[in-house]
Amino acid sequence: MGLTTRRYQSGEVDYDGHTPRRGDRQVRGLLFEAATVILTRSSAESGLRTWGLKLRERVGFKRAAVAVARKLAVIMHAMLKTGTFFDRTVGAAT
């Protein structure tokens, strides 16, 4: 989907780079918009929202929204694969 950061490793240097923006642009935009709504307008508590809000304090809003969008894509893929429904009571270890 283009939401995974690039990793650079060389000797003692190890850091995550920018998001490469590969994949479908519209899907990426919709996932980012959904993540933004989860972080700002949603009043329902969930493990994903709690994790995203803690991350927002450390890395800033935009980077946290991209991380939540990626995690949301992973959750939705797992739901499609297994045929289960979203359970917002599950912790952020998803």
PDB file of N, CA and C in Angstrom:
ATOM      1  N   MET A   1       0.811  -1.200   0.000  1.00  0.00           N
ATOM      2  CA  MET A   1       0.000   0.000   0.000  1.00  0.00           C
ATOM      3  C   MET A   1       0.855   1.265   0.000  1.00  0.00           C
ATOM      4  N   GLY A   2       2.126   1.134   0.266  1.00  0.00           N
ATOM      5  CA  GLY A   2       2.984   2.308   0.283  1.00  0.00           C
ATOM      6  C   GLY A   2       2.990   3.040   1.603  1.00  0.00           C
ATOM      7  N   LEU A   3       2.706   2.355   2.703  1.00  0.00           N
ATOM      8  CA  LEU A   3       2.676   3.005   4.011  1.00  0.00           C
ATOM      9  C   LEU A   3       3.796   2.523   4.925  1.00  0.00           C
ATOM     10  N   THR A   4       4.701   1.700   4.421  1.00  0.00           N
ATOM     11  CA  THR A   4       5.799   1.185   5.214  1.00  0.00           C
ATOM     12  C   THR A   4       7.022   2.068   5.011  1.00  0.00           C
ATOM     13  N   THR A   5       7.651   2.474   6.094  1.00  0.00           N
ATOM     14  CA  THR A   5       8.823   3.334   5.970  1.00  0.00           C
ATOM     15  C   THR A   5      10.009   2.540   5.441  1.00  0.00           C
ATOM     16  N   ARG A   6      10.884   3.233   4.716  1.00  0.00           N
ATOM     17  CA  ARG A   6      12.104   2.610   4.229  1.00  0.00           C
ATOM     18  C   ARG A   6      13.103   2.563   5.370  1.00  0.00           C
ATOM     19  N   ARG A   7      13.864   1.496   5.433  1.00  0.00           N
ATOM     20  CA  ARG A   7      14.863   1.345   6.482  1.00  0.00           C
ATOM     21  C   ARG A   7      16.248   1.466   5.867  1.00  0.00           C
ATOM     22  N   TYR A   8      17.114   2.216   6.534  1.00  0.00           N
ATOM     23  CA  TYR A   8      18.492   2.361   6.092  1.00  0.00           C
ATOM     24  C   TYR A   8      19.402   1.802   7.172  1.00  0.00           C
ATOM     25  N   GLN A   9      20.232   0.816   6.802  1.00  0.00           N
ATOM     26  CA  GLN A   9      21.163   0.215   7.746  1.00  0.00           C
ATOM     27  C   GLN A   9      22.541   0.136   7.094  1.00  0.00           C
ATOM     28  N   SER A  10      23.533   0.648   7.790  1.00  0.00           N
ATOM     29  CA  SER A  10      24.901   0.587   7.301  1.00  0.00           C
ATOM     30  C   SER A  10      25.843   0.724   8.483  1.00  0.00           C
ATOM     31  N   GLY A  11      26.544  -0.324   8.800  1.00  0.00           N
ATOM     32  CA  GLY A  11      27.463  -0.268   9.937  1.00  0.00           C
ATOM     33  C   GLY A  11      26.718  -0.035  11.231  1.00  0.00           C
ATOM     34  N   GLU A  12      27.010   1.066  11.888  1.00  0.00           N
ATOM     35  CA  GLU A  12      26.340   1.385  13.143  1.00  0.00           C
ATOM     36  C   GLU A  12      25.095   2.237  12.936  1.00  0.00           C
ATOM     37  N   VAL A  13      24.844   2.664  11.700  1.00  0.00           N
ATOM     38  CA  VAL A  13      23.705   3.525  11.398  1.00  0.00           C
ATOM     39  C   VAL A  13      22.482   2.656  11.127  1.00  0.00           C
ATOM     40  N   ASP A  14      21.375   3.005  11.753  1.00  0.00           N
ATOM     41  CA  ASP A  14      20.128   2.271  11.555  1.00  0.00           C
ATOM     42  C   ASP A  14      18.968   3.229  11.805  1.00  0.00           C
ATOM     43  N   TYR A  15      18.274   3.645  10.752  1.00  0.00           N
ATOM     44  CA  TYR A  15      17.124   4.524  10.953  1.00  0.00           C
ATOM     45  C   TYR A  15      16.051   4.256   9.904  1.00  0.00           C
ATOM     46  N   ASP A  16      14.837   4.622  10.255  1.00  0.00           N
ATOM     47  CA  ASP A  16      13.708   4.519   9.328  1.00  0.00           C
ATOM     48  C   ASP A  16      13.668   5.794   8.503  1.00  0.00           C
ATOM     49  N   GLY A  17      13.487   5.634   7.223  1.00  0.00           N
ATOM     50  CA  GLY A  17      13.457   6.783   6.327  1.00  0.00           C
ATOM     51  C   GLY A  17      12.040   7.254   6.062  1.00  0.00           C
ATOM     52  N   HIS A  18      11.841   7.797   4.881  1.00  0.00           N
ATOM     53  CA  HIS A  18      10.541   8.340   4.510  1.00  0.00           C
ATOM     54  C   HIS A  18       9.609   7.231   4.022  1.00  0.00           C
ATOM     55  N   THR A  19       8.355   7.554   3.862  1.00  0.00           N
ATOM     56  CA  THR A  19       7.375   6.626   3.328  1.00  0.00           C
ATOM     57  C   THR A  19       7.457   6.675   1.807  1.00  0.00           C
ATOM     58  N   PRO A  20       7.638   5.532   1.136  1.00  0.00           N
ATOM     59  CA  PRO A  20       7.894   5.553  -0.307  1.00  0.00           C
ATOM     60  C   PRO A  20       6.695   5.905  -1.180  1.00  0.00           C
ATOM     61  N   ARG A  21       5.474   5.840  -0.680  1.00  0.00           N
ATOM     62  CA  ARG A  21       4.256   6.184  -1.420  1.00  0.00           C
ATOM     63  C   ARG A  21       4.060   5.337  -2.671  1.00  0.00           C
ATOM     64  N   ARG A  22       4.260   4.059  -2.531  1.00  0.00           N
ATOM     65  CA  ARG A  22       3.970   3.145  -3.631  1.00  0.00           C
ATOM     66  C   ARG A  22       2.561   2.624  -3.452  1.00  0.00           C
ATOM     67  N   GLY A  23       2.032   2.027  -4.480  1.00  0.00           N
ATOM     68  CA  GLY A  23       0.691   1.479  -4.387  1.00  0.00           C
ATOM     69  C   GLY A  23      -0.355   2.481  -4.845  1.00  0.00           C
ATOM     70  N   ASP A  24      -1.602   2.133  -4.597  1.00  0.00           N
ATOM     71  CA  ASP A  24      -2.719   2.948  -5.050  1.00  0.00           C
ATOM     72  C   ASP A  24      -2.843   4.219  -4.219  1.00  0.00           C
ATOM     73  N   ARG A  25      -2.826   5.353  -4.890  1.00  0.00           N
ATOM     74  CA  ARG A  25      -2.860   6.654  -4.218  1.00  0.00           C
ATOM     75  C   ARG A  25      -4.189   6.887  -3.495  1.00  0.00           C
ATOM     76  N   GLN A  26      -5.280   6.470  -4.115  1.00  0.00           N
ATOM     77  CA  GLN A  26      -6.602   6.702  -3.525  1.00  0.00           C
ATOM     78  C   GLN A  26      -6.790   5.858  -2.262  1.00  0.00           C
ATOM     79  N   VAL A  27      -6.357   4.600  -2.288  1.00  0.00           N
ATOM     80  CA  VAL A  27      -6.473   3.749  -1.097  1.00  0.00           C
ATOM     81  C   VAL A  27      -5.639   4.318   0.038  1.00  0.00           C
ATOM     82  N   ARG A  28      -4.431   4.772  -0.286  1.00  0.00           N
ATOM     83  CA  ARG A  28      -3.564   5.381   0.713  1.00  0.00           C
ATOM     84  C   ARG A  28      -4.224   6.626   1.312  1.00  0.00           C
ATOM     85  N   GLY A  29      -4.840   7.427   0.477  1.00  0.00           N
ATOM     86  CA  GLY A  29      -5.518   8.628   0.954  1.00  0.00           C
ATOM     87  C   GLY A  29      -6.707   8.307   1.839  1.00  0.00           C
ATOM     88  N   LEU A  30      -7.476   7.305   1.464  1.00  0.00           N
ATOM     89  CA  LEU A  30      -8.627   6.920   2.274  1.00  0.00           C
ATOM     90  C   LEU A  30      -8.206   6.336   3.617  1.00  0.00           C
ATOM     91  N   LEU A  31      -7.130   5.549   3.622  1.00  0.00           N
ATOM     92  CA  LEU A  31      -6.626   5.013   4.886  1.00  0.00           C
ATOM     93  C   LEU A  31      -6.121   6.136   5.788  1.00  0.00           C
ATOM     94  N   PHE A  32      -5.431   7.121   5.206  1.00  0.00           N
ATOM     95  CA  PHE A  32      -4.946   8.261   5.991  1.00  0.00           C
ATOM     96  C   PHE A  32      -6.113   9.059   6.553  1.00  0.00           C
ATOM     97  N   GLU A  33      -7.156   9.239   5.748  1.00  0.00           N
ATOM     98  CA  GLU A  33      -8.339   9.972   6.213  1.00  0.00           C
ATOM     99  C   GLU A  33      -9.030   9.225   7.353  1.00  0.00           C
ATOM    100  N   ALA A  34      -9.138   7.899   7.223  1.00  0.00           N
ATOM    101  CA  ALA A  34      -9.750   7.096   8.291  1.00  0.00           C
ATOM    102  C   ALA A  34      -8.919   7.181   9.567  1.00  0.00           C
ATOM    103  N   ALA A  35      -7.602   7.151   9.421  1.00  0.00           N
ATOM    104  CA  ALA A  35      -6.732   7.258  10.587  1.00  0.00           C
ATOM    105  C   ALA A  35      -6.866   8.623  11.250  1.00  0.00           C
ATOM    106  N   THR A  36      -7.006   9.664  10.446  1.00  0.00           N
ATOM    107  CA  THR A  36      -7.199  11.007  10.981  1.00  0.00           C
ATOM    108  C   THR A  36      -8.486  11.095  11.780  1.00  0.00           C
ATOM    109  N   VAL A  37      -9.552  10.495  11.273  1.00  0.00           N
ATOM    110  CA  VAL A  37     -10.830  10.487  11.989  1.00  0.00           C
ATOM    111  C   VAL A  37     -10.704   9.697  13.286  1.00  0.00           C
ATOM    112  N   ILE A  38      -9.998   8.573  13.255  1.00  0.00           N
ATOM    113  CA  ILE A  38      -9.809   7.774  14.467  1.00  0.00           C
ATOM    114  C   ILE A  38      -9.086   8.595  15.533  1.00  0.00           C
ATOM    115  N   LEU A  39      -8.087   9.369  15.117  1.00  0.00           N
ATOM    116  CA  LEU A  39      -7.293  10.128  16.081  1.00  0.00           C
ATOM    117  C   LEU A  39      -7.956  11.416  16.546  1.00  0.00           C
ATOM    118  N   THR A  40      -8.846  12.005  15.733  1.00  0.00           N
ATOM    119  CA  THR A  40      -9.382  13.319  16.092  1.00  0.00           C
ATOM    120  C   THR A  40     -10.857  13.309  16.469  1.00  0.00           C
ATOM    121  N   ARG A  41     -11.704  12.688  15.713  1.00  0.00           N
ATOM    122  CA  ARG A  41     -13.153  12.834  15.905  1.00  0.00           C
ATOM    123  C   ARG A  41     -13.833  11.657  16.582  1.00  0.00           C
ATOM    124  N   SER A  42     -13.201  10.513  16.604  1.00  0.00           N
ATOM    125  CA  SER A  42     -13.821   9.329  17.181  1.00  0.00           C
ATOM    126  C   SER A  42     -13.871   9.445  18.695  1.00  0.00           C
ATOM    127  N   SER A  43     -15.031   9.118  19.264  1.00  0.00           N
ATOM    128  CA  SER A  43     -15.155   9.131  20.720  1.00  0.00           C
ATOM    129  C   SER A  43     -15.123   7.719  21.286  1.00  0.00           C
ATOM    130  N   ALA A  44     -15.231   6.712  20.417  1.00  0.00           N
ATOM    131  CA  ALA A  44     -15.194   5.325  20.870  1.00  0.00           C
ATOM    132  C   ALA A  44     -13.755   4.923  21.162  1.00  0.00           C
ATOM    133  N   GLU A  45     -13.525   4.445  22.362  1.00  0.00           N
ATOM    134  CA  GLU A  45     -12.171   4.026  22.739  1.00  0.00           C
ATOM    135  C   GLU A  45     -11.859   2.673  22.123  1.00  0.00           C
ATOM    136  N   SER A  46     -10.663   2.547  21.592  1.00  0.00           N
ATOM    137  CA  SER A  46     -10.190   1.278  21.052  1.00  0.00           C
ATOM    138  C   SER A  46      -8.699   1.201  21.278  1.00  0.00           C
ATOM    139  N   GLY A  47      -8.159   0.001  21.183  1.00  0.00           N
ATOM    140  CA  GLY A  47      -6.727  -0.184  21.336  1.00  0.00           C
ATOM    141  C   GLY A  47      -5.955   0.567  20.277  1.00  0.00           C
ATOM    142  N   LEU A  48      -6.486   0.602  19.062  1.00  0.00           N
ATOM    143  CA  LEU A  48      -5.838   1.304  17.960  1.00  0.00           C
ATOM    144  C   LEU A  48      -5.782   2.808  18.215  1.00  0.00           C
ATOM    145  N   ARG A  49      -6.873   3.380  18.703  1.00  0.00           N
ATOM    146  CA  ARG A  49      -6.924   4.823  18.981  1.00  0.00           C
ATOM    147  C   ARG A  49      -5.987   5.185  20.132  1.00  0.00           C
ATOM    148  N   THR A  50      -5.998   4.374  21.182  1.00  0.00           N
ATOM    149  CA  THR A  50      -5.125   4.622  22.322  1.00  0.00           C
ATOM    150  C   THR A  50      -3.664   4.586  21.899  1.00  0.00           C
ATOM    151  N   TRP A  51      -3.290   3.586  21.109  1.00  0.00           N
ATOM    152  CA  TRP A  51      -1.925   3.464  20.614  1.00  0.00           C
ATOM    153  C   TRP A  51      -1.554   4.672  19.753  1.00  0.00           C
ATOM    154  N   GLY A  52      -2.468   5.081  18.879  1.00  0.00           N
ATOM    155  CA  GLY A  52      -2.212   6.214  17.999  1.00  0.00           C
ATOM    156  C   GLY A  52      -2.052   7.520  18.751  1.00  0.00           C
ATOM    157  N   LEU A  53      -2.849   7.726  19.795  1.00  0.00           N
ATOM    158  CA  LEU A  53      -2.740   8.959  20.575  1.00  0.00           C
ATOM    159  C   LEU A  53      -1.424   9.019  21.349  1.00  0.00           C
ATOM    160  N   LYS A  54      -0.971   7.881  21.872  1.00  0.00           N
ATOM    161  CA  LYS A  54       0.327   7.851  22.554  1.00  0.00           C
ATOM    162  C   LYS A  54       1.451   8.123  21.568  1.00  0.00           C
ATOM    163  N   LEU A  55       1.328   7.565  20.377  1.00  0.00           N
ATOM    164  CA  LEU A  55       2.340   7.777  19.348  1.00  0.00           C
ATOM    165  C   LEU A  55       2.364   9.231  18.895  1.00  0.00           C
ATOM    166  N   ARG A  56       1.193   9.852  18.813  1.00  0.00           N
ATOM    167  CA  ARG A  56       1.092  11.254  18.400  1.00  0.00           C
ATOM    168  C   ARG A  56       1.863  12.178  19.337  1.00  0.00           C
ATOM    169  N   GLU A  57       1.863  11.868  20.625  1.00  0.00           N
ATOM    170  CA  GLU A  57       2.610  12.675  21.585  1.00  0.00           C
ATOM    171  C   GLU A  57       4.113  12.609  21.332  1.00  0.00           C
ATOM    172  N   ARG A  58       4.591  11.450  20.862  1.00  0.00           N
ATOM    173  CA  ARG A  58       6.033  11.269  20.648  1.00  0.00           C
ATOM    174  C   ARG A  58       6.520  11.753  19.301  1.00  0.00           C
ATOM    175  N   VAL A  59       5.779  11.461  18.213  1.00  0.00           N
ATOM    176  CA  VAL A  59       6.312  11.707  16.867  1.00  0.00           C
ATOM    177  C   VAL A  59       5.561  12.761  16.075  1.00  0.00           C
ATOM    178  N   GLY A  60       4.461  13.255  16.588  1.00  0.00           N
ATOM    179  CA  GLY A  60       3.687  14.253  15.861  1.00  0.00           C
ATOM    180  C   GLY A  60       2.482  13.642  15.173  1.00  0.00           C
ATOM    181  N   PHE A  61       1.563  14.521  14.768  1.00  0.00           N
ATOM    182  CA  PHE A  61       0.274  14.047  14.264  1.00  0.00           C
ATOM    183  C   PHE A  61       0.376  13.310  12.934  1.00  0.00           C
ATOM    184  N   LYS A  62       1.078  13.881  11.961  1.00  0.00           N
ATOM    185  CA  LYS A  62       1.094  13.274  10.626  1.00  0.00           C
ATOM    186  C   LYS A  62       1.763  11.914  10.614  1.00  0.00           C
ATOM    187  N   ARG A  63       2.886  11.783  11.302  1.00  0.00           N
ATOM    188  CA  ARG A  63       3.567  10.486  11.342  1.00  0.00           C
ATOM    189  C   ARG A  63       2.733   9.457  12.100  1.00  0.00           C
ATOM    190  N   ALA A  64       2.052   9.888  13.149  1.00  0.00           N
ATOM    191  CA  ALA A  64       1.183   8.978  13.893  1.00  0.00           C
ATOM    192  C   ALA A  64      -0.001   8.544  13.032  1.00  0.00           C
ATOM    193  N   ALA A  65      -0.556   9.464  12.244  1.00  0.00           N
ATOM    194  CA  ALA A  65      -1.684   9.121  11.375  1.00  0.00           C
ATOM    195  C   ALA A  65      -1.268   8.115  10.309  1.00  0.00           C
ATOM    196  N   VAL A  66      -0.069   8.256   9.765  1.00  0.00           N
ATOM    197  CA  VAL A  66       0.417   7.278   8.783  1.00  0.00           C
ATOM    198  C   VAL A  66       0.609   5.920   9.443  1.00  0.00           C
ATOM    199  N   ALA A  67       1.127   5.905  10.667  1.00  0.00           N
ATOM    200  CA  ALA A  67       1.316   4.641  11.378  1.00  0.00           C
ATOM    201  C   ALA A  67      -0.029   3.980  11.681  1.00  0.00           C
ATOM    202  N   VAL A  68      -1.015   4.766  12.083  1.00  0.00           N
ATOM    203  CA  VAL A  68      -2.356   4.224  12.356  1.00  0.00           C
ATOM    204  C   VAL A  68      -2.987   3.720  11.054  1.00  0.00           C
ATOM    205  N   ALA A  69      -2.776   4.440   9.959  1.00  0.00           N
ATOM    206  CA  ALA A  69      -3.311   4.007   8.659  1.00  0.00           C
ATOM    207  C   ALA A  69      -2.713   2.666   8.253  1.00  0.00           C
ATOM    208  N   ARG A  70      -1.406   2.506   8.449  1.00  0.00           N
ATOM    209  CA  ARG A  70      -0.766   1.239   8.114  1.00  0.00           C
ATOM    210  C   ARG A  70      -1.299   0.114   8.990  1.00  0.00           C
ATOM    211  N   LYS A  71      -1.420   0.374  10.288  1.00  0.00           N
ATOM    212  CA  LYS A  71      -1.932  -0.644  11.202  1.00  0.00           C
ATOM    213  C   LYS A  71      -3.383  -0.977  10.875  1.00  0.00           C
ATOM    214  N   LEU A  72      -4.153   0.017  10.470  1.00  0.00           N
ATOM    215  CA  LEU A  72      -5.539  -0.211  10.068  1.00  0.00           C
ATOM    216  C   LEU A  72      -5.600  -1.092   8.824  1.00  0.00           C
ATOM    217  N   ALA A  73      -4.694  -0.871   7.876  1.00  0.00           N
ATOM    218  CA  ALA A  73      -4.641  -1.710   6.670  1.00  0.00           C
ATOM    219  C   ALA A  73      -4.297  -3.150   7.024  1.00  0.00           C
ATOM    220  N   VAL A  74      -3.377  -3.343   7.954  1.00  0.00           N
ATOM    221  CA  VAL A  74      -3.004  -4.690   8.381  1.00  0.00           C
ATOM    222  C   VAL A  74      -4.186  -5.377   9.070  1.00  0.00           C
ATOM    223  N   ILE A  75      -4.888  -4.641   9.912  1.00  0.00           N
ATOM    224  CA  ILE A  75      -6.060  -5.200  10.610  1.00  0.00           C
ATOM    225  C   ILE A  75      -7.147  -5.579   9.609  1.00  0.00           C
ATOM    226  N   MET A  76      -7.408  -4.690   8.643  1.00  0.00           N
ATOM    227  CA  MET A  76      -8.459  -4.981   7.657  1.00  0.00           C
ATOM    228  C   MET A  76      -8.084  -6.174   6.784  1.00  0.00           C
ATOM    229  N   HIS A  77      -6.818  -6.312   6.441  1.00  0.00           N
ATOM    230  CA  HIS A  77      -6.380  -7.463   5.655  1.00  0.00           C
ATOM    231  C   HIS A  77      -6.573  -8.762   6.439  1.00  0.00           C
ATOM    232  N   ALA A  78      -6.228  -8.736   7.723  1.00  0.00           N
ATOM    233  CA  ALA A  78      -6.423  -9.911   8.568  1.00  0.00           C
ATOM    234  C   ALA A  78      -7.904 -10.247   8.715  1.00  0.00           C
ATOM    235  N   MET A  79      -8.755  -9.213   8.806  1.00  0.00           N
ATOM    236  CA  MET A  79     -10.198  -9.446   8.911  1.00  0.00           C
ATOM    237  C   MET A  79     -10.731 -10.088   7.635  1.00  0.00           C
ATOM    238  N   LEU A  80     -10.268  -9.631   6.486  1.00  0.00           N
ATOM    239  CA  LEU A  80     -10.708 -10.221   5.222  1.00  0.00           C
ATOM    240  C   LEU A  80     -10.237 -11.660   5.084  1.00  0.00           C
ATOM    241  N   LYS A  81      -9.018 -11.918   5.529  1.00  0.00           N
ATOM    242  CA  LYS A  81      -8.448 -13.255   5.416  1.00  0.00           C
ATOM    243  C   LYS A  81      -9.163 -14.264   6.311  1.00  0.00           C
ATOM    244  N   THR A  82      -9.488 -13.847   7.537  1.00  0.00           N
ATOM    245  CA  THR A  82     -10.082 -14.773   8.494  1.00  0.00           C
ATOM    246  C   THR A  82     -11.602 -14.724   8.529  1.00  0.00           C
ATOM    247  N   GLY A  83     -12.187 -13.662   7.987  1.00  0.00           N
ATOM    248  CA  GLY A  83     -13.638 -13.534   7.999  1.00  0.00           C
ATOM    249  C   GLY A  83     -14.195 -13.079   9.333  1.00  0.00           C
ATOM    250  N   THR A  84     -13.384 -12.430  10.154  1.00  0.00           N
ATOM    251  CA  THR A  84     -13.843 -11.966  11.458  1.00  0.00           C
ATOM    252  C   THR A  84     -14.257 -10.504  11.390  1.00  0.00           C
ATOM    253  N   PHE A  85     -14.913 -10.045  12.459  1.00  0.00           N
ATOM    254  CA  PHE A  85     -15.327  -8.654  12.568  1.00  0.00           C
ATOM    255  C   PHE A  85     -14.346  -7.889  13.435  1.00  0.00           C
ATOM    256  N   PHE A  86     -14.364  -6.559  13.313  1.00  0.00           N
ATOM    257  CA  PHE A  86     -13.464  -5.710  14.097  1.00  0.00           C
ATOM    258  C   PHE A  86     -13.883  -5.730  15.548  1.00  0.00           C
ATOM    259  N   ASP A  87     -12.922  -5.934  16.434  1.00  0.00           N
ATOM    260  CA  ASP A  87     -13.169  -5.932  17.869  1.00  0.00           C
ATOM    261  C   ASP A  87     -12.341  -4.805  18.484  1.00  0.00           C
ATOM    262  N   ARG A  88     -13.008  -3.720  18.849  1.00  0.00           N
ATOM    263  CA  ARG A  88     -12.274  -2.563  19.338  1.00  0.00           C
ATOM    264  C   ARG A  88     -11.754  -2.742  20.751  1.00  0.00           C
ATOM    265  N   THR A  89     -12.180  -3.815  21.441  1.00  0.00           N
ATOM    266  CA  THR A  89     -11.685  -4.057  22.804  1.00  0.00           C
ATOM    267  C   THR A  89     -10.321  -4.734  22.792  1.00  0.00           C
ATOM    268  N   VAL A  90      -9.877  -5.223  21.643  1.00  0.00           N
ATOM    269  CA  VAL A  90      -8.577  -5.875  21.558  1.00  0.00           C
ATOM    270  C   VAL A  90      -7.497  -4.817  21.716  1.00  0.00           C
ATOM    271  N   GLY A  91      -6.421  -5.163  22.405  1.00  0.00           N
ATOM    272  CA  GLY A  91      -5.336  -4.216  22.673  1.00  0.00           C
ATOM    273  C   GLY A  91      -4.603  -3.804  21.416  1.00  0.00           C
ATOM    274  N   ALA A  92      -3.628  -2.947  21.579  1.00  0.00           N
ATOM    275  CA  ALA A  92      -2.870  -2.368  20.466  1.00  0.00           C
ATOM    276  C   ALA A  92      -1.795  -3.311  19.955  1.00  0.00           C
ATOM    277  N   ALA A  93      -1.710  -4.510  20.452  1.00  0.00           N
ATOM    278  CA  ALA A  93      -0.678  -5.446  20.011  1.00  0.00           C
ATOM    279  C   ALA A  93      -1.058  -6.150  18.722  1.00  0.00           C
ATOM    280  N   THR A  94      -2.030  -5.634  18.016  1.00  0.00           N
ATOM    281  CA  THR A  94      -2.502  -6.255  16.781  1.00  0.00           C
ATOM    282  C   THR A  94      -1.515  -6.068  15.673  1.00  0.00           C
TER     283      THR A  94
END
